[in-house]
């Protein structure tokens, strides 16, 4: 914005303080809409929590309800009977999530920084190769063959980390973020004798925290929620991540439920295998860590999405 236009806008705002402000009625309407949107997000989660504390008989008779006729902790007792296995699976998932996120964000940051530098010789060809992976991929079978027969990742913790360690979309987001950093800052660091990696680490990286925090959150959620890689590559149950373990337990519960041929048998089965409340308890056990982690990223989240939304 030129100095003349900026000065003119300041004069208009000084002479008319209500200029470009939302009216009282519009403000009420927007508050109502935002309240409805917030409730549409909170109420389903609240229902999940309530149903997880409901008894199977209550769910069978009345369906899912915010006011169950009978409360029960049987679903949580059932899962905590797994004992060491569930603790071990949580440990695997936490390790994979933390290390995988750090590794993925590290290589994404470096690659995005290279692509953001217009003076790099192979900038265009690397950009085209990266964008090609967003449109086409080899498919599941070739990926499985490469990971198991060539990289020998079968039944290894690395099979839960490496296949998800690179995401072209996150590179585009960070590349756009890096381009918003004034080139004069980078040139000043170069004049002071700073090398490329040192410039990235001490100049570019601190200025890119909102964008990095945003992709870190997305990457962390992706690693935490992944169950498919564990199902595909892990044979030893001791190495199951929590999602794959809970998926396996859920399948067992469904098998027990399907074996009941009438209401009387279902009631007997419900006492030993909480299927419906167990499904909701699974969701609660999985969601809680993400809910605890999200507030630490919230202040960067909106800014990172806004800047990364424009592909430059």
Protein backbone atom coordinates (compact mmCIF):
# COMPACT_ATOMS: atom_id res chain seq x y z
CA UNK A 1 0.00 0.00 0.00
CA UNK A 2 1.42 3.43 -1.00
CA UNK A 3 2.01 6.15 1.60
CA UNK A 4 -0.73 8.37 0.10
CA UNK A 5 -3.41 5.65 0.24
CA UNK A 6 -2.36 4.67 3.74
CA UNK A 7 -2.59 8.28 4.95
CA UNK A 8 -6.00 8.71 3.31
CA UNK A 9 -7.30 5.57 5.01
CA UNK A 10 -6.05 6.81 8.39
CA UNK A 11 -7.84 10.14 7.85
CA UNK A 12 -11.11 8.33 7.02
CA UNK A 13 -10.83 6.19 10.15
CA UNK A 14 -10.13 9.23 12.33
CA UNK A 15 -13.09 11.19 10.94
CA UNK A 16 -15.46 8.19 11.09
CA UNK A 17 -14.55 5.71 13.86
CA UNK A 18 -17.45 3.40 12.87
CA UNK A 19 -16.16 3.03 9.30
CA UNK A 20 -15.89 -0.60 8.15
CA UNK A 21 -17.18 -1.96 11.47
CA UNK A 22 -19.76 -4.70 11.89
CA UNK A 23 -23.16 -3.40 12.99
CA UNK A 24 -24.79 -4.60 16.20
CA UNK A 25 -27.33 -6.83 14.40
CA UNK A 26 -24.67 -8.39 12.20
CA UNK A 27 -22.54 -9.01 15.26
CA UNK A 28 -25.41 -10.87 16.95
CA UNK A 29 -26.02 -12.98 13.83
CA UNK A 30 -22.34 -13.90 13.55
CA UNK A 31 -22.20 -14.80 17.24
CA UNK A 32 -25.19 -17.10 16.81
CA UNK A 33 -23.64 -18.76 13.74
CA UNK A 34 -20.31 -19.27 15.49
CA UNK A 35 -22.08 -20.67 18.56
CA UNK A 36 -23.98 -23.16 16.39
CA UNK A 37 -20.74 -24.18 14.65
CA UNK A 38 -18.97 -24.60 18.00
CA UNK A 39 -21.81 -26.74 19.36
CA UNK A 40 -21.79 -28.86 16.20
CA UNK A 41 -18.15 -29.69 16.99
CA UNK A 42 -18.43 -30.09 20.77
CA UNK A 43 -21.72 -32.02 21.08
CA UNK A 44 -20.63 -35.09 19.05
CA UNK A 45 -17.47 -35.37 21.15
CA UNK A 46 -19.54 -34.97 24.33
CA UNK A 47 -21.89 -37.73 23.13
CA UNK A 48 -18.92 -40.02 22.51
CA UNK A 49 -17.65 -39.45 26.06
CA UNK A 50 -21.09 -40.05 27.61
CA UNK A 51 -21.73 -43.23 25.60
CA UNK A 52 -18.30 -44.56 26.60
CA UNK A 53 -19.54 -44.44 30.22
CA UNK A 54 -22.89 -46.06 29.39
CA UNK A 55 -23.72 -49.72 29.97
CA UNK A 56 -24.22 -52.03 27.01
CA UNK A 57 -27.79 -52.84 28.06
CA UNK A 58 -28.65 -49.14 28.19
CA UNK A 59 -27.29 -48.63 24.67
CA UNK A 60 -29.06 -51.75 23.39
CA UNK A 61 -32.43 -50.63 24.82
CA UNK A 62 -32.31 -46.85 24.28
CA UNK A 63 -29.59 -46.27 21.69
CA UNK A 64 -27.00 -43.50 21.98
CA UNK A 65 -28.21 -40.83 24.41
CA UNK A 66 -26.90 -37.82 26.30
CA UNK A 67 -28.81 -39.15 29.32
CA UNK A 68 -28.18 -42.91 29.61
CA UNK A 69 -30.34 -44.93 31.97
CA UNK A 70 -27.33 -46.74 33.41
CA UNK A 71 -23.68 -45.74 33.74
CA UNK A 72 -20.81 -48.19 33.62
CA UNK A 73 -17.01 -48.24 33.51
CA UNK A 74 -16.94 -51.71 31.96
CA UNK A 75 -15.62 -50.47 28.60
CA UNK A 76 -12.56 -48.87 30.21
CA UNK A 77 -12.05 -51.85 32.53
CA UNK A 78 -12.08 -54.13 29.50
CA UNK A 79 -9.30 -52.22 27.75
CA UNK A 80 -7.19 -51.71 30.83
CA UNK A 81 -7.25 -55.47 31.39
CA UNK A 82 -4.83 -55.57 28.46
CA UNK A 83 -2.30 -54.27 31.00
CA UNK A 84 1.28 -54.23 29.73
CA UNK A 85 0.22 -54.52 26.09
CA UNK A 86 -1.72 -51.25 26.03
CA UNK A 87 1.10 -49.45 27.89
CA UNK A 88 3.65 -50.86 25.43
CA UNK A 89 1.51 -49.83 22.46
CA UNK A 90 1.17 -46.31 23.85
CA UNK A 91 4.95 -46.21 24.17
CA UNK A 92 5.41 -47.30 20.54
CA UNK A 93 2.92 -44.70 19.35
CA UNK A 94 4.48 -41.90 21.40
CA UNK A 95 7.95 -42.78 20.10
CA UNK A 96 6.77 -43.00 16.49
CA UNK A 97 4.78 -39.76 16.80
CA UNK A 98 7.58 -37.73 18.42
CA UNK A 99 10.51 -39.07 16.39
CA UNK A 100 8.50 -39.30 13.16
CA UNK A 101 7.27 -35.72 13.52
CA UNK A 102 10.76 -34.38 14.21
CA UNK A 103 12.26 -36.31 11.29
CA UNK A 104 9.46 -35.41 8.88
CA UNK A 105 9.46 -31.71 9.80
CA UNK A 106 13.27 -31.58 9.56
CA UNK A 107 13.47 -32.92 5.99
CA UNK A 108 10.37 -30.93 4.96
CA UNK A 109 11.89 -27.68 6.25
CA UNK A 110 15.18 -28.27 4.44
CA UNK A 111 13.58 -29.26 1.14
CA UNK A 112 11.09 -26.38 1.24
CA UNK A 113 13.93 -23.92 1.91
CA UNK A 114 15.83 -25.18 -1.13
CA UNK A 115 12.75 -24.79 -3.35
CA UNK A 116 12.09 -21.29 -2.00
CA UNK A 117 15.46 -20.06 -3.28
CA UNK A 118 14.96 -18.88 -6.86
CA UNK A 119 18.73 -18.78 -7.44
CA UNK A 120 19.07 -22.55 -6.96
CA UNK A 121 19.95 -24.24 -10.26
CA UNK A 122 17.63 -27.27 -9.98
CA UNK A 123 14.72 -25.42 -8.41
CA UNK A 124 12.22 -25.99 -11.24
CA UNK A 125 12.94 -29.64 -11.91
CA UNK A 126 12.74 -30.53 -8.20
CA UNK A 127 9.48 -28.60 -7.90
CA UNK A 128 7.97 -30.49 -10.84
CA UNK A 129 9.11 -33.82 -9.41
CA UNK A 130 7.57 -32.96 -6.05
CA UNK A 131 4.26 -31.80 -7.55
CA UNK A 132 4.14 -34.98 -9.65
CA UNK A 133 3.98 -37.03 -6.44
CA UNK A 134 0.89 -35.06 -5.38
CA UNK A 135 -0.96 -36.26 -8.50
CA UNK A 136 0.39 -39.77 -9.03
CA UNK A 137 1.81 -42.54 -6.88
CA UNK A 138 2.94 -46.11 -7.38
CA UNK A 139 0.11 -47.66 -5.39
CA UNK A 140 0.04 -49.88 -2.34
CA UNK A 141 1.52 -53.07 -3.82
CA UNK A 142 4.72 -51.46 -5.26
CA UNK A 143 5.15 -49.49 -2.02
CA UNK A 144 4.82 -52.67 0.02
CA UNK A 145 7.36 -54.49 -2.17
CA UNK A 146 9.87 -51.61 -1.95
CA UNK A 147 9.49 -51.25 1.83
CA UNK A 148 9.67 -54.96 2.66
CA UNK A 149 11.93 -56.53 0.02
CA UNK A 150 14.30 -53.68 -0.85
CA UNK A 151 14.38 -51.57 2.33
CA UNK A 152 13.66 -54.53 4.65
CA UNK A 153 11.30 -52.52 6.86
CA UNK A 154 8.93 -55.39 7.57
CA UNK A 155 8.08 -55.78 11.29
CA UNK A 156 10.27 -52.75 12.07
CA UNK A 157 9.49 -49.48 13.85
CA UNK A 158 10.92 -47.70 10.80
CA UNK A 159 8.02 -49.04 8.75
CA UNK A 160 5.76 -46.81 10.87
CA UNK A 161 7.93 -43.72 10.30
CA UNK A 162 9.54 -43.62 6.85
CA UNK A 163 6.48 -44.17 4.58
CA UNK A 164 4.81 -41.06 6.06
CA UNK A 165 7.90 -38.91 6.51
CA UNK A 166 7.46 -36.77 3.38
CA UNK A 167 4.36 -34.83 2.32
CA UNK A 168 4.50 -32.62 -0.78
CA UNK A 169 1.64 -30.42 0.40
CA UNK A 170 3.53 -29.47 3.56
CA UNK A 171 6.54 -28.58 1.41
CA UNK A 172 4.33 -26.22 -0.62
CA UNK A 173 3.02 -24.62 2.59
CA UNK A 174 6.52 -24.02 3.99
CA UNK A 175 7.92 -22.93 0.63
CA UNK A 176 5.27 -20.21 0.50
CA UNK A 177 6.08 -19.24 4.08
CA UNK A 178 9.80 -18.95 3.32
CA UNK A 179 9.09 -16.76 0.29
CA UNK A 180 7.32 -14.27 2.57
CA UNK A 181 10.63 -13.66 4.40
CA UNK A 182 12.38 -10.58 2.93
CA UNK A 183 15.37 -11.57 0.80
CA UNK A 184 17.31 -8.64 2.28
CA UNK A 185 17.53 -10.47 5.63
CA UNK A 186 19.08 -13.53 3.99
CA UNK A 187 21.48 -11.40 1.94
CA UNK A 188 22.55 -9.50 5.06
CA UNK A 189 23.35 -12.79 6.80
CA UNK A 190 25.35 -13.90 3.75
CA UNK A 191 27.34 -10.63 3.76
CA UNK A 192 28.16 -11.24 7.44
CA UNK A 193 29.76 -14.53 6.43
CA UNK A 194 26.93 -16.90 7.34
CA UNK A 195 26.72 -20.16 5.38
CA UNK A 196 23.50 -21.53 3.89
CA UNK A 197 22.74 -23.98 6.69
CA UNK A 198 23.65 -21.46 9.38
CA UNK A 199 21.41 -18.86 7.70
CA UNK A 200 18.54 -21.32 7.62
CA UNK A 201 19.05 -22.40 11.23
CA UNK A 202 19.56 -18.98 12.84
CA UNK A 203 17.60 -16.64 10.54
CA UNK A 204 14.94 -18.43 8.51
CA UNK A 205 13.92 -21.09 11.03
CA UNK A 206 13.05 -18.69 13.90
CA UNK A 207 10.99 -16.51 11.52
CA UNK A 208 9.04 -19.54 10.27
CA UNK A 209 7.73 -20.87 13.58
CA UNK A 210 4.01 -20.41 12.73
CA UNK A 211 4.30 -22.41 9.51
CA UNK A 212 6.51 -25.06 11.08
CA UNK A 213 4.17 -25.41 14.06
CA UNK A 214 1.23 -25.87 11.69
CA UNK A 215 2.77 -28.71 9.68
CA UNK A 216 4.12 -30.20 12.92
CA UNK A 217 0.58 -30.42 14.28
CA UNK A 218 -0.75 -32.01 11.09
CA UNK A 219 2.16 -34.46 10.95
CA UNK A 220 1.78 -35.37 14.62
CA UNK A 221 -1.94 -36.07 14.16
CA UNK A 222 -1.22 -38.18 11.07
CA UNK A 223 1.33 -40.33 12.92
CA UNK A 224 -0.85 -40.62 16.02
CA UNK A 225 -3.98 -41.65 14.10
CA UNK A 226 -2.28 -44.09 11.73
CA UNK A 227 -3.31 -47.73 12.11
CA UNK A 228 -2.89 -48.91 8.53
CA UNK A 229 0.91 -49.09 8.47
CA UNK A 230 0.91 -51.14 11.65
CA UNK A 231 -1.64 -53.52 10.17
CA UNK A 232 0.34 -53.76 6.93
CA UNK A 233 3.92 -54.14 8.14
CA UNK A 234 3.94 -55.18 11.82
CA UNK A 235 3.59 -58.89 12.57
CA UNK A 236 4.71 -58.86 16.21
CA UNK A 237 1.87 -57.70 18.47
CA UNK A 238 4.40 -56.28 20.94
CA UNK A 239 5.30 -53.65 18.32
CA UNK A 240 1.71 -52.65 17.60
CA UNK A 241 1.03 -48.90 17.85
CA UNK A 242 -2.01 -48.04 19.96
CA UNK A 243 -4.25 -47.48 16.94
CA UNK A 244 -3.47 -50.89 15.45
CA UNK A 245 -3.92 -52.58 18.83
CA UNK A 246 -7.29 -50.94 19.36
CA UNK A 247 -8.29 -51.82 15.79
CA UNK A 248 -7.43 -55.44 16.53
CA UNK A 249 -9.39 -55.39 19.79
CA UNK A 250 -12.33 -53.73 18.06
CA UNK A 251 -12.39 -56.49 15.45
CA UNK A 252 -12.45 -59.06 18.24
CA UNK A 253 -15.37 -57.28 19.90
CA UNK A 254 -17.28 -57.15 16.62
CA UNK A 255 -16.72 -60.87 16.11
CA UNK A 256 -18.11 -61.60 19.57
CA UNK A 257 -21.10 -59.36 18.90
CA UNK A 258 -21.89 -61.05 15.60
CA UNK A 259 -21.80 -64.45 17.27
CA UNK A 260 -24.88 -63.54 19.34
CA UNK A 261 -27.97 -64.87 17.59
CA UNK A 262 -30.68 -63.32 19.81
CA UNK A 263 -31.30 -60.61 22.40
CA UNK A 264 -30.66 -62.93 25.35
CA UNK A 265 -27.29 -64.01 23.99
CA UNK A 266 -26.45 -60.37 23.20
CA UNK A 267 -27.12 -59.40 26.83
CA UNK A 268 -24.78 -62.17 28.00
CA UNK A 269 -22.13 -61.14 25.48
CA UNK A 270 -22.42 -57.48 26.53
CA UNK A 271 -21.39 -58.40 30.07
CA UNK A 272 -18.03 -59.74 28.89
CA UNK A 273 -17.44 -57.68 25.72
CA UNK A 274 -18.61 -54.03 25.67
CA UNK A 275 -18.89 -53.49 21.92
CA UNK A 276 -20.74 -50.17 21.49
CA UNK A 277 -19.46 -48.44 24.62
CA UNK A 278 -16.06 -49.98 23.88
CA UNK A 279 -15.99 -48.33 20.47
CA UNK A 280 -16.57 -44.94 22.10
CA UNK A 281 -14.03 -45.65 24.84
CA UNK A 282 -11.49 -46.36 22.10
CA UNK A 283 -12.18 -42.95 20.60
CA UNK A 284 -11.75 -41.22 23.97
CA UNK A 285 -8.46 -43.02 24.67
CA UNK A 286 -7.11 -41.98 21.28
CA UNK A 287 -8.34 -38.37 21.24
CA UNK A 288 -7.23 -37.24 24.71
CA UNK A 289 -3.47 -36.92 23.93
CA UNK A 290 -4.19 -34.83 20.82
CA UNK A 291 -6.53 -32.57 22.79
CA UNK A 292 -3.79 -32.05 25.37
CA UNK A 293 -1.19 -31.22 22.70
CA UNK A 294 -3.29 -28.87 20.57
CA UNK A 295 -3.25 -25.79 22.91
CA UNK A 296 0.54 -25.58 22.61
CA UNK A 297 0.22 -25.11 18.81
CA UNK A 298 -2.93 -23.00 18.75
CA UNK A 299 -1.27 -19.58 18.67
CA UNK A 300 0.66 -20.56 15.52
CA UNK A 301 -2.11 -22.52 13.86
CA UNK A 302 -4.24 -19.80 12.24
CA UNK A 303 -1.30 -17.72 11.03
CA UNK A 304 0.40 -20.77 9.55
CA UNK A 305 -2.70 -21.82 7.63
CA UNK A 306 -3.31 -18.28 6.34
CA UNK A 307 0.18 -17.84 4.96
CA UNK A 308 0.40 -21.37 3.60
CA UNK A 309 -2.97 -21.14 1.89
CA UNK A 310 -1.54 -19.00 -0.93
CA UNK A 311 0.67 -21.10 -3.18
CA UNK A 312 3.37 -18.82 -4.54
